[in-house]
C-alpha cells in the first residue's frame, strides 16, 4: 500500500520521501519500481524529516495499534509545531481521537485517514477519508485529491471531520464491506448447494448481475474468483479453500459501536458472527455428523430463482447501507461531528472495496435532502425494496426449507419488517421487566389515565405481593 501510494503521488508530480525501518527495502524500491521517478530514499527517521518541506507531511501505513504510536514517538523527536502526521492505516477511531488530542497539545497536526482500494487502488487511485486537525487540510488537500480515484470528474476524497472522524467513516465502510461479502457468500451457497449450479455457472450469474443493479467491485471480483481454476488440475480453486474466514477487527468495531450507540446495525453484526461461526471448523464438522436437517432439493425454475436471488441481494444491500448511514447519523449526534453524507457516499463511489453503481443514487439522495432521515424514505430505494420483496421472501423461504443458513439475508428482511412496523412486541417485554425487576414502563398516549399518567415511569404490583417500590430507570 505504502509503496503504491508513493508511486501514485510521484506520477502526479510530487516529490516523495520513502522510508521503511528495513532499509534494504528502501534500496530495493529505489533501484526498481521507483527508478527514474521523483522519489527520495531515507534510511532513518532523521533523514526522512530532513528531506521534507515544511510544514512536514508524513503518512504512516503501518499495522494499527502500538506500531502507530511507536512511529509517532520517533517522528516527534524531529518534527516541529505545525508539522502534519497522517495515519493512513486501519486504526480504531478512539485511538485516533486520543492521538489527535495528544498531538494537538504539542502543536502537531494529526490526521487519521481511511484509505480503501487495496494495493491496486493505492497505485491507481484510492478512496481517501481524511479527518483530524482541520488546519492540516489546506496543506494536504491537493495531494490527496490528486492521487484519489475520480468519479464523474470529482475526487473520491473530501474532508470528513475532526479528531477520529475519518477513521470512523472508514470503520463503517469496512463494516458494510463485511455485510456485502457475507451476502454474496450466502448467494453463492444458495446457488451451489440449493440450486445445484456449478462454479462456472455461478460465475456466469455474477457476470450477468455485474451488468445490472448489482454492478460493483465485489460482484466483479466474485465472478473472477469463480472462473479461476487451479492450473495444476483445472478444478475451481475456490472449492479447495478452507471455509474459515479471517478478520482484522473493523467489522467487529462497527458492530460494537452500533451497540454502544443503540443503533440496530443488524446485518454487519450477523456478518461478523458468521465469520466467528466459520472459525469453529472442527466443531462444525463434529456437529455435521450428529445433527440432522433437510437435504436441499431444487425442482423449480432456475431462471426465476436467479432473478429472485438478484432482488434479494439488491434489497439486502440497500438495508446494509441504510443501517450504515443510520450509525453515521447517530455518531454525528453523539460525538458532535457534522458529517456530509453526500460527500461520504461519493467518496465510496470509486477506488474503494464497496464501490458500486447504486452509491451514485445514495449520493444523489443526500444531495437532494442533506437531512434525509433514512435511505428507505428516498423514493428510489423505497421503490427498489418494494419491487424486490416477493423475490426476497421467496429466497428466504427456500433457504429455510433447504436448511441453508442465510443470516445476512434473513436479518436484512427482519430489520425491514421491524422498521416498517408501527408497533412491536416490546410492550410485552417492558411488562416482563417490570414484573420481575420493577423496571417500570410508560403508557401509550391514547391509553393514558389518572392511574396510568402519560410520560411517567410506572410500576405495577402485578401479583399483589411484589410491592410498589420501583427500580431506577436508566438506559445503558
Protein backbone atom coordinates (compact mmCIF):
# COMPACT_ATOMS: atom_id res chain seq x y z
CA UNK A 1 0.00 0.00 0.00
CA UNK A 2 2.70 2.47 1.00
CA UNK A 3 4.90 1.74 -2.00
CA UNK A 4 2.00 2.12 -4.41
CA UNK A 5 0.81 5.37 -2.83
CA UNK A 6 4.34 6.75 -3.23
CA UNK A 7 4.36 5.80 -6.92
CA UNK A 8 0.88 7.29 -7.34
CA UNK A 9 1.96 10.61 -5.81
CA UNK A 10 5.15 10.69 -7.90
CA UNK A 11 3.10 10.13 -11.05
CA UNK A 12 1.08 13.23 -10.11
CA UNK A 13 4.17 15.44 -9.97
CA UNK A 14 5.02 15.28 -6.27
CA UNK A 15 8.46 14.57 -4.86
CA UNK A 16 8.10 11.89 -2.20
CA UNK A 17 10.46 10.67 0.50
CA UNK A 18 10.25 6.91 1.12
CA UNK A 19 11.20 5.33 4.43
CA UNK A 20 10.98 1.82 5.84
CA UNK A 21 12.60 0.61 9.04
CA UNK A 22 14.05 -2.25 6.95
CA UNK A 23 16.50 -0.12 4.96
CA UNK A 24 17.14 -2.83 2.37
CA UNK A 25 13.50 -2.50 1.24
CA UNK A 26 14.07 1.20 0.54
CA UNK A 27 17.19 0.44 -1.51
CA UNK A 28 15.39 -2.26 -3.49
CA UNK A 29 12.48 0.09 -4.14
CA UNK A 30 14.76 2.89 -5.39
CA UNK A 31 16.63 0.51 -7.70
CA UNK A 32 13.47 -0.97 -9.19
CA UNK A 33 9.90 0.43 -9.09
CA UNK A 34 11.00 3.96 -8.09
CA UNK A 35 13.90 4.21 -10.52
CA UNK A 36 13.78 7.42 -12.54
CA UNK A 37 10.89 8.86 -10.54
CA UNK A 38 10.77 11.86 -8.18
CA UNK A 39 11.30 9.65 -5.13
CA UNK A 40 14.00 10.14 -2.50
CA UNK A 41 15.07 7.34 -0.16
CA UNK A 42 15.53 7.90 3.59
CA UNK A 43 17.45 5.50 5.78
CA UNK A 44 16.43 6.94 9.13
CA UNK A 45 13.62 8.97 10.67
CA UNK A 46 16.05 11.89 10.98
CA UNK A 47 16.85 11.72 7.27
CA UNK A 48 13.15 11.46 6.45
CA UNK A 49 12.38 14.61 8.45
CA UNK A 50 15.34 16.50 6.99
CA UNK A 51 14.21 15.83 3.42
CA UNK A 52 10.61 17.01 3.89
CA UNK A 53 9.48 20.57 3.11
CA UNK A 54 7.84 22.49 5.95
CA UNK A 55 5.25 22.03 7.14
CA UNK A 56 6.39 18.43 7.04
CA UNK A 57 3.71 15.99 5.89
CA UNK A 58 4.20 12.29 6.54
CA UNK A 59 1.74 9.45 6.04
CA UNK A 60 2.09 6.26 8.08
CA UNK A 61 0.93 2.98 6.60
CA UNK A 62 1.70 0.53 9.38
CA UNK A 63 -0.24 -2.02 11.42
CA UNK A 64 -2.89 -0.48 13.66
CA UNK A 65 -2.14 -0.28 17.38
CA UNK A 66 1.17 0.22 19.15
CA UNK A 67 3.16 0.42 15.90
CA UNK A 68 1.43 3.72 15.06
CA UNK A 69 2.24 5.18 18.49
CA UNK A 70 5.86 3.99 18.23
CA UNK A 71 6.38 5.71 14.87
CA UNK A 72 4.68 8.89 16.09
CA UNK A 73 7.05 8.98 19.08
CA UNK A 74 10.04 8.67 16.74
CA UNK A 75 8.73 11.40 14.45
CA UNK A 76 8.17 13.76 17.37
CA UNK A 77 11.92 13.77 18.03
CA UNK A 78 12.41 15.56 14.70
CA UNK A 79 9.10 17.32 13.98
CA UNK A 80 8.16 20.92 14.87
CA UNK A 81 4.94 22.78 15.58
CA UNK A 82 2.73 22.90 12.51
CA UNK A 83 4.06 19.67 11.02
CA UNK A 84 1.49 17.07 9.95
CA UNK A 85 1.33 13.38 10.84
CA UNK A 86 -1.18 11.30 8.86
CA UNK A 87 -2.16 7.81 9.97
CA UNK A 88 -3.35 6.00 6.84
CA UNK A 89 -3.79 2.60 8.47
CA UNK A 90 -6.94 0.90 9.74
CA UNK A 91 -6.76 2.43 13.22
CA UNK A 92 -9.70 2.29 15.61
CA UNK A 93 -11.24 5.75 15.75
CA UNK A 94 -10.96 6.10 19.60
CA UNK A 95 -7.18 5.72 19.15
CA UNK A 96 -7.29 8.48 16.54
CA UNK A 97 -9.30 10.66 18.94
CA UNK A 98 -6.56 10.16 21.55
CA UNK A 99 -3.69 10.84 19.14
CA UNK A 100 -5.43 13.94 17.84
CA UNK A 101 -5.69 15.38 21.37
CA UNK A 102 -2.16 14.38 22.41
CA UNK A 103 -0.54 15.84 19.29
CA UNK A 104 -2.68 18.97 19.41
CA UNK A 105 -1.11 19.80 22.77
CA UNK A 106 2.33 19.55 21.12
CA UNK A 107 1.34 21.74 18.18
CA UNK A 108 1.43 18.82 15.73
CA UNK A 109 -1.48 18.49 13.28
CA UNK A 110 -2.80 14.91 13.32
CA UNK A 111 -4.88 13.40 10.52
CA UNK A 112 -6.47 9.96 10.66
CA UNK A 113 -7.35 8.96 7.13
CA UNK A 114 -9.22 5.96 5.86
CA UNK A 115 -7.57 4.51 2.75
CA UNK A 116 -9.54 1.99 0.74
CA UNK A 117 -8.92 0.15 -2.50
CA UNK A 118 -6.15 -2.30 -1.68
CA UNK A 119 -2.82 -2.29 -3.46
CA UNK A 120 -4.38 -1.64 -6.86
CA UNK A 121 -6.39 1.28 -5.54
CA UNK A 122 -3.34 2.77 -3.86
CA UNK A 123 -1.47 2.66 -7.16
CA UNK A 124 -4.21 3.90 -9.47
CA UNK A 125 -6.49 5.94 -7.22
CA UNK A 126 -7.87 5.00 -3.79
CA UNK A 127 -10.82 6.30 -1.84
CA UNK A 128 -9.46 8.60 0.88
CA UNK A 129 -11.38 9.63 4.00
CA UNK A 130 -9.28 12.17 5.96
CA UNK A 131 -10.28 13.67 9.29
CA UNK A 132 -8.47 15.26 12.22
CA UNK A 133 -6.97 18.71 12.74
CA UNK A 134 -8.72 20.95 10.22
CA UNK A 135 -5.64 23.20 9.88
CA UNK A 136 -3.92 20.31 8.13
CA UNK A 137 -6.46 20.07 5.30
CA UNK A 138 -5.24 23.05 3.21
CA UNK A 139 -1.72 21.54 3.24
CA UNK A 140 -2.76 18.04 2.10
CA UNK A 141 -5.95 18.69 0.11
CA UNK A 142 -4.36 18.98 -3.33
CA UNK A 143 -2.15 15.94 -2.77
CA UNK A 144 -4.99 13.73 -1.50
CA UNK A 145 -7.47 14.81 -4.16
CA UNK A 146 -4.90 14.44 -6.95
CA UNK A 147 -3.99 10.86 -6.05
CA UNK A 148 -7.56 9.77 -5.19
CA UNK A 149 -9.90 7.93 -7.56
CA UNK A 150 -12.17 10.13 -9.68
CA UNK A 151 -15.88 9.57 -10.37
CA UNK A 152 -17.74 11.90 -12.73
CA UNK A 153 -14.63 14.08 -12.61
CA UNK A 154 -14.83 14.53 -8.82
CA UNK A 155 -12.16 13.12 -6.49
CA UNK A 156 -13.28 10.35 -4.14
CA UNK A 157 -11.81 12.29 -1.24
CA UNK A 158 -13.05 15.10 0.95
CA UNK A 159 -12.58 16.31 4.50
CA UNK A 160 -14.69 14.20 6.86
CA UNK A 161 -14.48 15.96 10.22
CA UNK A 162 -12.41 16.46 13.38
CA UNK A 163 -10.43 14.04 15.57
CA UNK A 164 -11.10 10.40 14.63
CA UNK A 165 -13.96 11.12 12.21
CA UNK A 166 -12.01 9.92 9.18
CA UNK A 167 -11.21 6.57 10.74
CA UNK A 168 -14.80 6.28 11.99
CA UNK A 169 -16.10 6.56 8.41
CA UNK A 170 -13.51 4.02 7.24
CA UNK A 171 -14.69 1.69 10.03
CA UNK A 172 -18.29 1.93 8.81
CA UNK A 173 -17.06 1.40 5.24
CA UNK A 174 -15.35 -1.80 6.35
CA UNK A 175 -18.42 -2.91 8.27
CA UNK A 176 -20.55 -2.51 5.13
CA UNK A 177 -17.84 -4.42 3.27
CA UNK A 178 -18.27 -7.30 5.76
CA UNK A 179 -22.01 -7.28 5.11
CA UNK A 180 -21.64 -7.19 1.31
CA UNK A 181 -19.19 -10.09 1.34
CA UNK A 182 -21.44 -12.18 3.61
CA UNK A 183 -24.49 -11.54 1.41
CA UNK A 184 -22.54 -12.54 -1.70
CA UNK A 185 -21.27 -15.68 0.04
CA UNK A 186 -24.83 -16.64 1.02
CA UNK A 187 -26.00 -16.11 -2.57
CA UNK A 188 -23.16 -18.36 -3.75
CA UNK A 189 -24.15 -21.03 -1.21
CA UNK A 190 -27.80 -20.93 -2.31
CA UNK A 191 -26.80 -21.28 -5.95
CA UNK A 192 -24.30 -24.05 -5.18
CA UNK A 193 -25.96 -26.19 -2.52
CA UNK A 194 -29.53 -25.14 -3.12
CA UNK A 195 -29.98 -24.94 -6.89
CA UNK A 196 -27.07 -27.21 -7.86
CA UNK A 197 -25.17 -24.73 -10.05
CA UNK A 198 -21.53 -25.39 -10.96
CA UNK A 199 -18.90 -22.78 -10.10
CA UNK A 200 -18.69 -21.81 -13.78
CA UNK A 201 -22.48 -21.37 -13.91
CA UNK A 202 -22.40 -19.28 -10.73
CA UNK A 203 -19.63 -17.18 -12.28
CA UNK A 204 -21.92 -16.62 -15.27
CA UNK A 205 -24.69 -15.48 -12.91
CA UNK A 206 -22.38 -12.95 -11.25
CA UNK A 207 -21.16 -11.77 -14.65
CA UNK A 208 -24.79 -11.06 -15.59
CA UNK A 209 -25.51 -9.37 -12.25
CA UNK A 210 -22.49 -7.12 -12.71
CA UNK A 211 -24.20 -5.55 -15.74
CA UNK A 212 -27.31 -4.57 -13.78
CA UNK A 213 -28.35 -3.06 -10.45
CA UNK A 214 -25.67 -5.06 -8.60
CA UNK A 215 -22.79 -3.65 -10.67
CA UNK A 216 -19.97 -3.36 -8.12
CA UNK A 217 -16.35 -4.22 -7.38
CA UNK A 218 -17.21 -7.14 -5.09
CA UNK A 219 -19.62 -8.72 -7.62
CA UNK A 220 -16.94 -8.29 -10.30
CA UNK A 221 -14.18 -9.98 -8.33
CA UNK A 222 -16.53 -12.77 -7.20
CA UNK A 223 -17.12 -13.53 -10.90
CA UNK A 224 -13.35 -13.70 -11.44
CA UNK A 225 -12.82 -15.94 -8.40
CA UNK A 226 -15.48 -18.39 -9.57
CA UNK A 227 -13.97 -18.54 -13.06
CA UNK A 228 -10.46 -19.24 -11.76
CA UNK A 229 -9.26 -22.84 -11.97
CA UNK A 230 -6.22 -24.37 -10.29
CA UNK A 231 -3.59 -24.66 -13.07
CA UNK A 232 -2.46 -27.98 -11.59
CA UNK A 233 -5.69 -29.89 -12.26
CA UNK A 234 -8.15 -27.44 -13.85
CA UNK A 235 -10.58 -27.60 -10.93
CA UNK A 236 -12.13 -24.46 -9.37
CA UNK A 237 -9.64 -23.11 -6.85
CA UNK A 238 -12.39 -21.68 -4.63
CA UNK A 239 -13.50 -25.23 -3.78
CA UNK A 240 -10.08 -26.00 -2.33
CA UNK A 241 -10.02 -23.07 0.10
CA UNK A 242 -10.62 -23.81 3.79
CA UNK A 243 -14.01 -22.43 4.87
CA UNK A 244 -12.78 -20.41 7.85
CA UNK A 245 -12.84 -16.63 7.37
CA UNK A 246 -10.33 -14.27 8.92
CA UNK A 247 -10.98 -10.76 10.17
CA UNK A 248 -8.88 -7.82 11.34
CA UNK A 249 -11.43 -6.26 13.66
CA UNK A 250 -13.02 -3.37 11.77
CA UNK A 251 -16.33 -5.20 11.28
CA UNK A 252 -16.37 -6.09 14.97
CA UNK A 253 -15.62 -2.47 15.89
CA UNK A 254 -18.60 -1.34 13.76
CA UNK A 255 -20.94 -3.81 15.45
CA UNK A 256 -19.72 -2.86 18.93
CA UNK A 257 -20.07 0.86 18.18
CA UNK A 258 -23.61 0.23 16.91
CA UNK A 259 -24.45 -1.47 20.21
CA UNK A 260 -22.86 1.39 22.16
CA UNK A 261 -24.98 3.94 20.26
CA UNK A 262 -28.14 1.83 20.34
CA UNK A 263 -28.38 1.53 16.55
CA UNK A 264 -29.81 -1.70 15.00
CA UNK A 265 -26.97 -2.35 12.54
CA UNK A 266 -28.00 -5.98 12.40
CA UNK A 267 -26.58 -7.03 9.04
CA UNK A 268 -23.00 -6.10 9.84
CA UNK A 269 -23.37 -7.81 13.22
CA UNK A 270 -24.54 -11.03 11.57
CA UNK A 271 -21.66 -10.83 9.09
CA UNK A 272 -19.18 -10.70 11.98
CA UNK A 273 -20.89 -13.59 13.79
CA UNK A 274 -20.87 -15.61 10.56
CA UNK A 275 -17.10 -15.28 10.38
CA UNK A 276 -16.91 -16.38 14.02
CA UNK A 277 -19.06 -19.43 13.22
CA UNK A 278 -16.85 -20.27 10.25
CA UNK A 279 -13.82 -20.23 12.54
CA UNK A 280 -15.02 -23.17 14.67
CA UNK A 281 -14.49 -25.56 11.76
CA UNK A 282 -13.63 -28.70 13.73
CA UNK A 283 -16.67 -28.29 15.96
CA UNK A 284 -18.90 -27.79 12.92
CA UNK A 285 -17.54 -30.97 11.35
CA UNK A 286 -18.42 -32.90 14.50
CA UNK A 287 -21.87 -31.31 14.58
CA UNK A 288 -22.49 -32.25 10.95
CA UNK A 289 -22.22 -35.92 11.91
CA UNK A 290 -24.79 -35.83 14.72
CA UNK A 291 -27.27 -33.04 13.90
CA UNK A 292 -29.89 -33.58 11.23
CA UNK A 293 -31.70 -31.28 8.84
CA UNK A 294 -33.26 -31.18 5.39
CA UNK A 295 -31.33 -32.06 2.24
CA UNK A 296 -31.62 -29.34 -0.41
CA UNK A 297 -33.69 -30.47 -3.39
CA UNK A 298 -34.33 -28.00 -6.19
CA UNK A 299 -37.06 -28.69 -8.71
CA UNK A 300 -38.12 -25.21 -9.73
CA UNK A 301 -37.36 -22.70 -12.47
CA UNK A 302 -33.65 -21.83 -12.30
CA UNK A 303 -34.02 -18.58 -14.22
CA UNK A 304 -36.72 -17.34 -11.83
CA UNK A 305 -34.64 -18.45 -8.86
CA UNK A 306 -31.67 -16.41 -10.13
CA UNK A 307 -33.91 -13.37 -10.66
CA UNK A 308 -35.39 -13.71 -7.15
CA UNK A 309 -31.92 -14.06 -5.67
CA UNK A 310 -30.74 -10.95 -7.50
CA UNK A 311 -33.61 -8.98 -5.97
CA UNK A 312 -32.94 -10.44 -2.51
CA UNK A 313 -29.27 -9.48 -2.75
CA UNK A 314 -30.08 -5.99 -4.01
CA UNK A 315 -32.67 -5.30 -1.31
CA UNK A 316 -30.39 -6.64 1.43
CA UNK A 317 -27.53 -4.42 0.24
CA UNK A 318 -29.85 -1.41 0.41
CA UNK A 319 -30.70 -2.34 4.01
CA UNK A 320 -27.00 -2.66 4.87
CA UNK A 321 -26.20 0.82 3.55
CA UNK A 322 -29.30 2.27 5.22
CA UNK A 323 -28.14 0.82 8.54
CA UNK A 324 -24.60 2.13 7.97
CA UNK A 325 -25.86 5.67 7.43
CA UNK A 326 -28.11 5.34 10.49
CA UNK A 327 -24.96 4.64 12.51
CA UNK A 328 -23.18 7.61 10.92
CA UNK A 329 -26.14 9.85 11.76
CA UNK A 330 -26.16 8.76 15.41
CA UNK A 331 -22.38 9.05 15.75
CA UNK A 332 -22.59 12.61 14.45
CA UNK A 333 -25.03 13.44 17.24
CA UNK A 334 -23.06 11.59 19.92
CA UNK A 335 -19.59 12.91 19.05
CA UNK A 336 -20.55 16.34 17.71
CA UNK A 337 -19.34 15.60 14.18
CA UNK A 338 -21.18 17.23 11.26
CA UNK A 339 -20.99 14.59 8.54
CA UNK A 340 -21.72 15.35 4.91
CA UNK A 341 -23.46 12.14 3.85
CA UNK A 342 -23.48 13.04 0.16
CA UNK A 343 -19.72 13.57 0.29
CA UNK A 344 -19.21 10.27 2.13
CA UNK A 345 -21.29 8.36 -0.42
CA UNK A 346 -19.34 9.97 -3.25
CA UNK A 347 -16.03 9.05 -1.60
CA UNK A 348 -17.18 5.43 -1.70
CA UNK A 349 -18.19 5.53 -5.38
CA UNK A 350 -14.68 4.96 -6.71
CA UNK A 351 -11.40 3.41 -5.65
CA UNK A 352 -12.73 1.57 -2.60
CA UNK A 353 -13.79 -2.02 -1.99
CA UNK A 354 -17.52 -1.28 -1.62
CA UNK A 355 -17.74 0.89 -4.74
CA UNK A 356 -20.94 0.16 -6.64
CA UNK A 357 -23.26 1.78 -9.14
CA UNK A 358 -26.00 2.42 -6.60
CA UNK A 359 -23.74 4.60 -4.46
CA UNK A 360 -24.46 7.20 -7.13
CA UNK A 361 -28.10 7.08 -6.08
CA UNK A 362 -27.12 7.43 -2.40
CA UNK A 363 -25.03 10.48 -3.30
CA UNK A 364 -27.98 11.91 -5.21
CA UNK A 365 -30.37 11.22 -2.33
CA UNK A 366 -28.28 13.13 0.21
CA UNK A 367 -27.53 15.98 -2.20
CA UNK A 368 -31.27 16.43 -2.73
CA UNK A 369 -32.01 16.19 1.00
CA UNK A 370 -28.97 16.51 3.32
CA UNK A 371 -31.26 15.86 6.32
CA UNK A 372 -32.77 12.66 4.86
CA UNK A 373 -33.74 10.58 7.89
CA UNK A 374 -33.25 7.18 6.27
CA UNK A 375 -32.34 5.95 2.79
CA UNK A 376 -35.53 3.86 2.80
CA UNK A 377 -37.54 7.11 2.77
CA UNK A 378 -35.97 8.12 -0.56
CA UNK A 379 -38.21 7.15 -3.48
CA UNK A 380 -35.52 5.30 -5.47
CA UNK A 381 -34.70 2.92 -2.63
CA UNK A 382 -38.27 2.65 -1.34
CA UNK A 383 -39.40 1.58 -4.82
CA UNK A 384 -36.45 -0.80 -5.26
CA UNK A 385 -37.17 -2.61 -1.98
CA UNK A 386 -40.89 -2.74 -2.75
CA UNK A 387 -40.14 -4.33 -6.13
CA UNK A 388 -37.72 -6.81 -4.55
CA UNK A 389 -39.99 -8.04 -1.76
CA UNK A 390 -41.60 -11.02 -3.48
CA UNK A 391 -38.28 -12.48 -4.65
CA UNK A 392 -36.61 -11.61 -1.33
CA UNK A 393 -39.25 -13.51 0.65
CA UNK A 394 -39.21 -16.44 -1.81
CA UNK A 395 -35.46 -16.82 -1.37
CA UNK A 396 -35.69 -16.83 2.43
CA UNK A 397 -38.44 -19.44 2.25
CA UNK A 398 -36.30 -21.66 0.03
CA UNK A 399 -33.28 -21.25 2.31
CA UNK A 400 -35.28 -22.30 5.38
CA UNK A 401 -36.78 -25.31 3.60
CA UNK A 402 -33.33 -26.41 2.39
CA UNK A 403 -31.59 -25.85 5.72
CA UNK A 404 -29.05 -23.46 4.20
CA UNK A 405 -28.05 -20.67 6.62
CA UNK A 406 -28.67 -17.12 5.37
CA UNK A 407 -28.17 -14.93 8.46
CA UNK A 408 -27.43 -11.75 6.49
CA UNK A 409 -30.38 -12.12 4.10
CA UNK A 410 -32.69 -13.02 6.99
CA UNK A 411 -31.66 -10.20 9.29
CA UNK A 412 -31.98 -7.67 6.45
CA UNK A 413 -35.60 -8.70 5.85
CA UNK A 414 -36.32 -8.88 9.59
CA UNK A 415 -34.98 -5.35 10.01
CA UNK A 416 -37.12 -4.13 7.13
CA UNK A 417 -40.25 -5.72 8.57
CA UNK A 418 -39.42 -4.37 12.02
CA UNK A 419 -38.65 -0.87 10.72
CA UNK A 420 -41.99 -0.68 8.88
CA UNK A 421 -43.92 -1.86 11.98
CA UNK A 422 -45.68 0.95 13.82
CA UNK A 423 -45.94 -1.36 16.79
CA UNK A 424 -43.52 -4.04 18.01
CA UNK A 425 -43.92 -6.54 20.89
CA UNK A 426 -41.60 -4.54 23.14
CA UNK A 427 -44.70 -3.66 25.19
CA UNK A 428 -44.75 -7.25 26.46
CA UNK A 429 -41.01 -7.12 27.07
CA UNK A 430 -41.45 -3.99 29.20
CA UNK A 431 -44.24 -5.65 31.18
CA UNK A 432 -41.98 -8.64 31.85
CA UNK A 433 -39.16 -6.36 33.01
CA UNK A 434 -41.47 -4.52 35.34
CA UNK A 435 -42.94 -7.80 36.67
CA UNK A 436 -39.63 -9.40 37.68
CA UNK A 437 -37.47 -6.34 38.33
CA UNK A 438 -39.74 -3.33 38.86
CA UNK A 439 -38.01 -1.67 35.89
CA UNK A 440 -41.13 0.40 35.06
CA UNK A 441 -42.84 1.17 31.77
CA UNK A 442 -44.57 4.05 30.03
CA UNK A 443 -48.09 4.07 28.65
CA UNK A 444 -49.36 4.72 25.13
CA UNK A 445 -50.74 8.28 24.68
CA UNK A 446 -54.20 7.02 23.76
CA UNK A 447 -54.37 4.86 26.91
CA UNK A 448 -53.20 7.46 29.43
CA UNK A 449 -55.35 7.97 32.50
CA UNK A 450 -55.12 9.20 36.10
CA UNK A 451 -53.81 5.79 37.17
CA UNK A 452 -51.56 5.47 34.10
CA UNK A 453 -50.20 9.02 33.58
CA UNK A 454 -48.61 9.90 30.24
CA UNK A 455 -44.84 10.40 30.10
CA UNK A 456 -44.14 8.94 33.54
CA UNK A 457 -42.26 5.79 34.56
CA UNK A 458 -44.88 3.46 36.01
CA UNK A 459 -44.53 0.35 38.16
CA UNK A 460 -47.39 -2.05 38.79
CA UNK A 461 -47.65 -4.61 41.60
CA UNK A 462 -48.53 -7.40 39.16
CA UNK A 463 -49.17 -10.15 41.75
CA UNK A 464 -50.19 -8.16 44.80
CA UNK A 465 -47.08 -9.50 46.52
CA UNK A 466 -44.34 -7.55 44.76
CA UNK A 467 -44.64 -4.16 46.43
CA UNK A 468 -44.88 -0.70 44.94
CA UNK A 469 -41.21 0.41 45.02
CA UNK A 470 -39.69 0.63 41.53
CA UNK A 471 -36.09 0.30 40.41
CA UNK A 472 -34.13 3.25 39.00
CA UNK A 473 -34.88 3.90 35.34
CA UNK A 474 -31.88 4.19 33.02
CA UNK A 475 -30.64 3.22 29.56
CA UNK A 476 -27.23 1.60 29.19
